[in-house]
C-alpha atoms as a PDB file:
ATOM      1  CA  UNK A   1     -11.566   4.999 -28.630  1.00  0.00           C
ATOM      2  CA  UNK A   2      -8.228   3.938 -27.217  1.00  0.00           C
ATOM      3  CA  UNK A   3      -4.948   5.571 -26.878  1.00  0.00           C
ATOM      4  CA  UNK A   4      -1.366   5.205 -25.780  1.00  0.00           C
ATOM      5  CA  UNK A   5      -0.772   6.869 -22.294  1.00  0.00           C
ATOM      6  CA  UNK A   6       3.004   7.201 -20.923  1.00  0.00           C
ATOM      7  CA  UNK A   7       2.960   5.607 -17.405  1.00  0.00           C
ATOM      8  CA  UNK A   8       6.126   4.637 -15.399  1.00  0.00           C
ATOM      9  CA  UNK A   9       8.288   5.296 -18.516  1.00  0.00           C
ATOM     10  CA  UNK A  10       6.197   2.786 -20.921  1.00  0.00           C
ATOM     11  CA  UNK A  11       3.241   3.352 -23.288  1.00  0.00           C
ATOM     12  CA  UNK A  12       0.172   1.661 -21.985  1.00  0.00           C
ATOM     13  CA  UNK A  13      -2.752   1.088 -24.327  1.00  0.00           C
ATOM     14  CA  UNK A  14      -6.083   2.514 -22.597  1.00  0.00           C
ATOM     15  CA  UNK A  15      -9.553   2.527 -23.795  1.00  0.00           C
ATOM     16  CA  UNK A  16     -12.069   4.759 -21.901  1.00  0.00           C
ATOM     17  CA  UNK A  17     -15.972   4.537 -22.065  1.00  0.00           C
ATOM     18  CA  UNK A  18     -18.575   6.810 -20.505  1.00  0.00           C
ATOM     19  CA  UNK A  19     -18.382  10.341 -19.325  1.00  0.00           C
ATOM     20  CA  UNK A  20     -15.193  11.469 -17.370  1.00  0.00           C
ATOM     21  CA  UNK A  21     -17.438  12.864 -14.445  1.00  0.00           C
ATOM     22  CA  UNK A  22     -18.911   9.505 -13.784  1.00  0.00           C
ATOM     23  CA  UNK A  23     -17.670   7.086 -11.205  1.00  0.00           C
ATOM     24  CA  UNK A  24     -14.727   5.186 -12.367  1.00  0.00           C
ATOM     25  CA  UNK A  25     -14.052   1.434 -13.071  1.00  0.00           C
ATOM     26  CA  UNK A  26     -10.719   0.009 -14.076  1.00  0.00           C
ATOM     27  CA  UNK A  27     -10.854  -3.325 -15.888  1.00  0.00           C
ATOM     28  CA  UNK A  28      -7.878  -5.638 -15.534  1.00  0.00           C
ATOM     29  CA  UNK A  29      -7.702  -8.570 -17.995  1.00  0.00           C
ATOM     30  CA  UNK A  30      -6.716 -11.988 -17.441  1.00  0.00           C
ATOM     31  CA  UNK A  31      -3.551 -13.848 -18.799  1.00  0.00           C
ATOM     32  CA  UNK A  32      -1.051 -12.858 -18.158  1.00  0.00           C
ATOM     33  CA  UNK A  33      -0.921 -11.972 -21.854  1.00  0.00           C
ATOM     34  CA  UNK A  34      -4.554 -11.543 -22.527  1.00  0.00           C
ATOM     35  CA  UNK A  35      -6.043  -8.342 -23.933  1.00  0.00           C
ATOM     36  CA  UNK A  36      -8.995  -5.899 -22.805  1.00  0.00           C
ATOM     37  CA  UNK A  37     -10.333  -6.354 -26.459  1.00  0.00           C
ATOM     38  CA  UNK A  38     -13.292  -8.719 -25.541  1.00  0.00           C
ATOM     39  CA  UNK A  39     -14.165  -6.916 -22.482  1.00  0.00           C
ATOM     40  CA  UNK A  40     -14.109  -3.604 -24.411  1.00  0.00           C
ATOM     41  CA  UNK A  41     -16.331  -5.136 -27.320  1.00  0.00           C
ATOM     42  CA  UNK A  42     -18.925  -6.300 -25.167  1.00  0.00           C
ATOM     43  CA  UNK A  43     -19.230  -5.276 -21.200  1.00  0.00           C
ATOM     44  CA  UNK A  44     -17.553  -1.804 -21.507  1.00  0.00           C
ATOM     45  CA  UNK A  45     -20.027  -0.374 -23.625  1.00  0.00           C
ATOM     46  CA  UNK A  46     -22.942  -1.622 -21.547  1.00  0.00           C
ATOM     47  CA  UNK A  47     -21.329  -0.628 -18.094  1.00  0.00           C
ATOM     48  CA  UNK A  48     -20.546   2.996 -19.653  1.00  0.00           C
ATOM     49  CA  UNK A  49     -24.254   3.840 -19.425  1.00  0.00           C
ATOM     50  CA  UNK A  50     -23.652   4.290 -15.622  1.00  0.00           C
ATOM     51  CA  UNK A  51     -19.835   4.370 -15.175  1.00  0.00           C
ATOM     52  CA  UNK A  52     -16.555   5.780 -16.582  1.00  0.00           C
ATOM     53  CA  UNK A  53     -14.982   2.398 -17.643  1.00  0.00           C
ATOM     54  CA  UNK A  54     -11.110   2.458 -18.087  1.00  0.00           C
ATOM     55  CA  UNK A  55      -9.718  -0.775 -19.637  1.00  0.00           C
ATOM     56  CA  UNK A  56      -6.054  -1.332 -20.560  1.00  0.00           C
ATOM     57  CA  UNK A  57      -3.598  -3.683 -22.146  1.00  0.00           C
ATOM     58  CA  UNK A  58      -1.088  -4.432 -19.208  1.00  0.00           C
ATOM     59  CA  UNK A  59       2.528  -3.859 -20.030  1.00  0.00           C
ATOM     60  CA  UNK A  60       3.915  -6.195 -22.508  1.00  0.00           C
ATOM     61  CA  UNK A  61       0.495  -7.187 -23.684  1.00  0.00           C
ATOM     62  CA  UNK A  62      -0.806  -6.524 -27.619  1.00  0.00           C
ATOM     63  CA  UNK A  63      -1.128  -2.703 -28.074  1.00  0.00           C
ATOM     64  CA  UNK A  64       1.136  -1.644 -24.965  1.00  0.00           C
ATOM     65  CA  UNK A  65       4.851  -1.364 -25.065  1.00  0.00           C
ATOM     66  CA  UNK A  66       6.572  -4.967 -25.265  1.00  0.00           C
ATOM     67  CA  UNK A  67       8.743  -6.052 -22.242  1.00  0.00           C
ATOM     68  CA  UNK A  68      12.287  -6.200 -23.477  1.00  0.00           C
ATOM     69  CA  UNK A  69      14.265  -9.453 -22.718  1.00  0.00           C
ATOM     70  CA  UNK A  70      16.641  -7.770 -20.583  1.00  0.00           C
ATOM     71  CA  UNK A  71      13.992  -5.792 -18.630  1.00  0.00           C
ATOM     72  CA  UNK A  72      13.487  -6.696 -15.036  1.00  0.00           C
ATOM     73  CA  UNK A  73       9.624  -7.073 -14.884  1.00  0.00           C
ATOM     74  CA  UNK A  74       6.918  -8.345 -12.356  1.00  0.00           C
ATOM     75  CA  UNK A  75       3.540  -8.091 -11.017  1.00  0.00           C
ATOM     76  CA  UNK A  76       4.528  -5.252  -8.955  1.00  0.00           C
ATOM     77  CA  UNK A  77       5.184  -3.346 -12.260  1.00  0.00           C
ATOM     78  CA  UNK A  78       1.661  -3.900 -13.346  1.00  0.00           C
ATOM     79  CA  UNK A  79       0.482  -2.570 -10.122  1.00  0.00           C
ATOM     80  CA  UNK A  80       2.536   0.741 -10.252  1.00  0.00           C
ATOM     81  CA  UNK A  81       1.198   1.048 -13.929  1.00  0.00           C
ATOM     82  CA  UNK A  82      -2.365   1.069 -12.654  1.00  0.00           C
ATOM     83  CA  UNK A  83      -1.606   3.640  -9.826  1.00  0.00           C
ATOM     84  CA  UNK A  84       0.330   6.001 -12.150  1.00  0.00           C
ATOM     85  CA  UNK A  85      -2.634   5.598 -14.599  1.00  0.00           C
ATOM     86  CA  UNK A  86      -5.044   6.569 -11.981  1.00  0.00           C
ATOM     87  CA  UNK A  87      -3.032   9.576 -11.122  1.00  0.00           C
ATOM     88  CA  UNK A  88      -2.729  10.524 -14.776  1.00  0.00           C
ATOM     89  CA  UNK A  89      -6.340  10.288 -15.582  1.00  0.00           C
ATOM     90  CA  UNK A  90      -6.973  12.567 -12.459  1.00  0.00           C
ATOM     91  CA  UNK A  91      -9.196   9.895 -10.630  1.00  0.00           C
ATOM     92  CA  UNK A  92      -9.505  10.069  -6.838  1.00  0.00           C
ATOM     93  CA  UNK A  93     -10.300   6.491  -6.545  1.00  0.00           C
ATOM     94  CA  UNK A  94     -12.152   3.789  -8.451  1.00  0.00           C
ATOM     95  CA  UNK A  95     -13.632   0.496  -8.319  1.00  0.00           C
ATOM     96  CA  UNK A  96     -11.280  -2.299  -9.538  1.00  0.00           C
ATOM     97  CA  UNK A  97     -12.709  -5.129 -11.666  1.00  0.00           C
ATOM     98  CA  UNK A  98     -10.221  -8.274 -12.415  1.00  0.00           C
ATOM     99  CA  UNK A  99     -10.908 -11.323 -14.654  1.00  0.00           C
ATOM    100  CA  UNK A 100      -8.629 -14.538 -13.928  1.00  0.00           C
ATOM    101  CA  UNK A 101      -4.996 -13.160 -13.481  1.00  0.00           C
ATOM    102  CA  UNK A 102      -6.671  -9.540 -13.489  1.00  0.00           C
ATOM    103  CA  UNK A 103      -8.326 -10.561 -10.255  1.00  0.00           C
ATOM    104  CA  UNK A 104      -4.995 -11.342  -8.662  1.00  0.00           C
ATOM    105  CA  UNK A 105      -3.590  -7.980  -9.863  1.00  0.00           C
ATOM    106  CA  UNK A 106      -6.895  -6.107  -8.689  1.00  0.00           C
ATOM    107  CA  UNK A 107      -6.436  -7.967  -5.159  1.00  0.00           C
ATOM    108  CA  UNK A 108      -2.504  -7.059  -5.002  1.00  0.00           C
ATOM    109  CA  UNK A 109      -3.564  -3.473  -6.109  1.00  0.00           C
ATOM    110  CA  UNK A 110      -6.195  -2.790  -3.429  1.00  0.00           C
ATOM    111  CA  UNK A 111      -3.966  -4.129  -0.823  1.00  0.00           C
ATOM    112  CA  UNK A 112      -1.021  -2.039  -1.959  1.00  0.00           C
ATOM    113  CA  UNK A 113      -3.174   1.293  -2.814  1.00  0.00           C
ATOM    114  CA  UNK A 114      -6.310   0.914  -0.450  1.00  0.00           C
ATOM    115  CA  UNK A 115      -7.140   4.579  -0.669  1.00  0.00           C
ATOM    116  CA  UNK A 116      -7.073   4.478  -4.586  1.00  0.00           C
ATOM    117  CA  UNK A 117      -9.845   1.706  -4.411  1.00  0.00           C
ATOM    118  CA  UNK A 118     -13.668   2.446  -3.963  1.00  0.00           C
ATOM    119  CA  UNK A 119     -14.542  -1.115  -4.456  1.00  0.00           C
ATOM    120  CA  UNK A 120     -12.697  -4.372  -5.535  1.00  0.00           C
ATOM    121  CA  UNK A 121     -14.942  -6.720  -7.500  1.00  0.00           C
ATOM    122  CA  UNK A 122     -12.907  -9.903  -8.128  1.00  0.00           C
END
């Protein structure tokens, strides 16, 4: 079940699967501009048997707040959104899984916040 969570002053659409006390995995979709829908429909449910899976629509994508035409925005904003989400969800560290553009975000997130990342699967 998905919900909007306010991070960094914007609403990010987040879907969670599995138990909250399990090891956490953050999924970062490709694009830019794709969504986490396909991943959630197929892979997240299967992975949630052993992991707490968190998937999001990145800022400006589908169910998250749009990026306004006058808004200054870049990759660093997505990375900051991920870190703020980790803190909001009370997760000490998580495994980061990125697909395509999401792999680029995952790599940069792991570089920027190495203590927040348990593993990085690109």
